[in-house]
């Protein structure tokens, strides 16, 4: 079981701030594919992963990162300064 957190417009599109996901995904990209296949709202949120950042257990990483041993995945748009 992995905790998946959604922030900013990702949360707005999916309609949840977080959920627990049972997955057999090996990488973040695999998890995104599983989630996108669930419902249109997930597909909309993950339509362009270039517009997203991902963190595994609060460490920024890439979408090809392995999920083995990970407890938390967070998806959010890039941060802007200001």
C-alpha atoms as a PDB file:
ATOM      1  CA  UNK A   1       0.000   0.000   0.000  1.00  0.00           C
ATOM      2  CA  UNK A   2       1.380   3.412  -0.996  1.00  0.00           C
ATOM      3  CA  UNK A   3       0.115   6.815   0.134  1.00  0.00           C
ATOM      4  CA  UNK A   4      -0.388   9.014  -2.925  1.00  0.00           C
ATOM      5  CA  UNK A   5      -0.635  12.766  -2.350  1.00  0.00           C
ATOM      6  CA  UNK A   6      -1.938  15.307  -4.867  1.00  0.00           C
ATOM      7  CA  UNK A   7      -1.236  19.041  -4.682  1.00  0.00           C
ATOM      8  CA  UNK A   8      -2.527  22.219  -6.369  1.00  0.00           C
ATOM      9  CA  UNK A   9      -4.296  21.659  -9.711  1.00  0.00           C
ATOM     10  CA  UNK A  10      -3.536  17.922  -9.611  1.00  0.00           C
ATOM     11  CA  UNK A  11      -5.671  17.685  -6.457  1.00  0.00           C
ATOM     12  CA  UNK A  12      -8.372  19.835  -8.060  1.00  0.00           C
ATOM     13  CA  UNK A  13      -8.604  17.618 -11.153  1.00  0.00           C
ATOM     14  CA  UNK A  14      -8.627  14.346  -9.227  1.00  0.00           C
ATOM     15  CA  UNK A  15     -10.814  15.656  -6.411  1.00  0.00           C
ATOM     16  CA  UNK A  16      -8.764  14.141  -3.595  1.00  0.00           C
ATOM     17  CA  UNK A  17      -5.853  15.441  -1.523  1.00  0.00           C
ATOM     18  CA  UNK A  18      -4.540  11.899  -0.877  1.00  0.00           C
ATOM     19  CA  UNK A  19      -5.421   8.234  -1.114  1.00  0.00           C
ATOM     20  CA  UNK A  20      -3.939   4.843  -0.375  1.00  0.00           C
ATOM     21  CA  UNK A  21      -3.218   2.835  -3.500  1.00  0.00           C
ATOM     22  CA  UNK A  22      -2.634  -0.882  -3.820  1.00  0.00           C
ATOM     23  CA  UNK A  23      -0.290  -1.205  -6.790  1.00  0.00           C
ATOM     24  CA  UNK A  24       2.041  -3.605  -8.529  1.00  0.00           C
ATOM     25  CA  UNK A  25       3.737  -0.722 -10.367  1.00  0.00           C
ATOM     26  CA  UNK A  26       7.522  -0.972 -10.554  1.00  0.00           C
ATOM     27  CA  UNK A  27       8.158   2.716 -11.310  1.00  0.00           C
ATOM     28  CA  UNK A  28       6.450   6.073 -10.913  1.00  0.00           C
ATOM     29  CA  UNK A  29       5.609   5.999 -14.637  1.00  0.00           C
ATOM     30  CA  UNK A  30       3.902   2.609 -14.170  1.00  0.00           C
ATOM     31  CA  UNK A  31       1.878   4.034 -11.269  1.00  0.00           C
ATOM     32  CA  UNK A  32       0.836   7.016 -13.401  1.00  0.00           C
ATOM     33  CA  UNK A  33      -0.304   4.609 -16.135  1.00  0.00           C
ATOM     34  CA  UNK A  34      -2.357   2.605 -13.605  1.00  0.00           C
ATOM     35  CA  UNK A  35      -3.956   5.725 -12.152  1.00  0.00           C
ATOM     36  CA  UNK A  36      -4.654   7.237 -15.584  1.00  0.00           C
ATOM     37  CA  UNK A  37      -6.497   4.075 -16.627  1.00  0.00           C
ATOM     38  CA  UNK A  38      -8.859   4.349 -13.615  1.00  0.00           C
ATOM     39  CA  UNK A  39     -11.063   7.268 -14.603  1.00  0.00           C
ATOM     40  CA  UNK A  40     -11.100  10.347 -16.818  1.00  0.00           C
ATOM     41  CA  UNK A  41     -10.257  12.643 -13.909  1.00  0.00           C
ATOM     42  CA  UNK A  42      -6.953  10.811 -13.364  1.00  0.00           C
ATOM     43  CA  UNK A  43      -6.241  10.773 -17.100  1.00  0.00           C
ATOM     44  CA  UNK A  44      -6.803  14.555 -17.153  1.00  0.00           C
ATOM     45  CA  UNK A  45      -4.498  15.132 -14.195  1.00  0.00           C
ATOM     46  CA  UNK A  46      -1.692  13.048 -15.710  1.00  0.00           C
ATOM     47  CA  UNK A  47      -2.234  13.997 -19.372  1.00  0.00           C
ATOM     48  CA  UNK A  48       1.103  15.833 -19.523  1.00  0.00           C
ATOM     49  CA  UNK A  49       3.603  14.568 -16.961  1.00  0.00           C
ATOM     50  CA  UNK A  50       6.094  17.150 -18.216  1.00  0.00           C
ATOM     51  CA  UNK A  51       3.931  19.638 -16.295  1.00  0.00           C
ATOM     52  CA  UNK A  52       4.364  17.642 -13.071  1.00  0.00           C
ATOM     53  CA  UNK A  53       6.994  16.939 -10.468  1.00  0.00           C
ATOM     54  CA  UNK A  54       7.095  13.856  -8.285  1.00  0.00           C
ATOM     55  CA  UNK A  55       8.588  13.123  -4.874  1.00  0.00           C
ATOM     56  CA  UNK A  56       9.097   9.727  -3.284  1.00  0.00           C
ATOM     57  CA  UNK A  57       9.161   9.810   0.504  1.00  0.00           C
ATOM     58  CA  UNK A  58       9.623  13.605   0.270  1.00  0.00           C
ATOM     59  CA  UNK A  59      12.627  13.427  -2.101  1.00  0.00           C
ATOM     60  CA  UNK A  60      12.294  14.887  -5.602  1.00  0.00           C
ATOM     61  CA  UNK A  61      12.858  12.275  -8.277  1.00  0.00           C
ATOM     62  CA  UNK A  62      12.052  11.306 -11.866  1.00  0.00           C
ATOM     63  CA  UNK A  63       9.150   9.350 -13.315  1.00  0.00           C
ATOM     64  CA  UNK A  64      11.432   6.387 -14.050  1.00  0.00           C
ATOM     65  CA  UNK A  65      12.303   6.025 -10.341  1.00  0.00           C
ATOM     66  CA  UNK A  66      11.561   2.614  -8.784  1.00  0.00           C
ATOM     67  CA  UNK A  67       8.779   2.306  -6.206  1.00  0.00           C
ATOM     68  CA  UNK A  68      10.295  -0.587  -4.241  1.00  0.00           C
ATOM     69  CA  UNK A  69      10.158   0.246  -0.533  1.00  0.00           C
ATOM     70  CA  UNK A  70       8.469   3.617  -1.100  1.00  0.00           C
ATOM     71  CA  UNK A  71       5.749   4.635   1.375  1.00  0.00           C
ATOM     72  CA  UNK A  72       4.651   7.957  -0.119  1.00  0.00           C
ATOM     73  CA  UNK A  73       4.366   9.393  -3.634  1.00  0.00           C
ATOM     74  CA  UNK A  74       3.505  13.064  -4.116  1.00  0.00           C
ATOM     75  CA  UNK A  75       2.501  14.722  -7.395  1.00  0.00           C
ATOM     76  CA  UNK A  76       2.578  18.503  -7.804  1.00  0.00           C
ATOM     77  CA  UNK A  77       3.198  21.216 -10.391  1.00  0.00           C
ATOM     78  CA  UNK A  78       6.652  22.815 -10.545  1.00  0.00           C
ATOM     79  CA  UNK A  79       7.207  25.410  -7.857  1.00  0.00           C
ATOM     80  CA  UNK A  80       7.591  28.988  -8.973  1.00  0.00           C
ATOM     81  CA  UNK A  81       9.575  31.619  -7.168  1.00  0.00           C
ATOM     82  CA  UNK A  82       8.226  34.932  -6.077  1.00  0.00           C
END
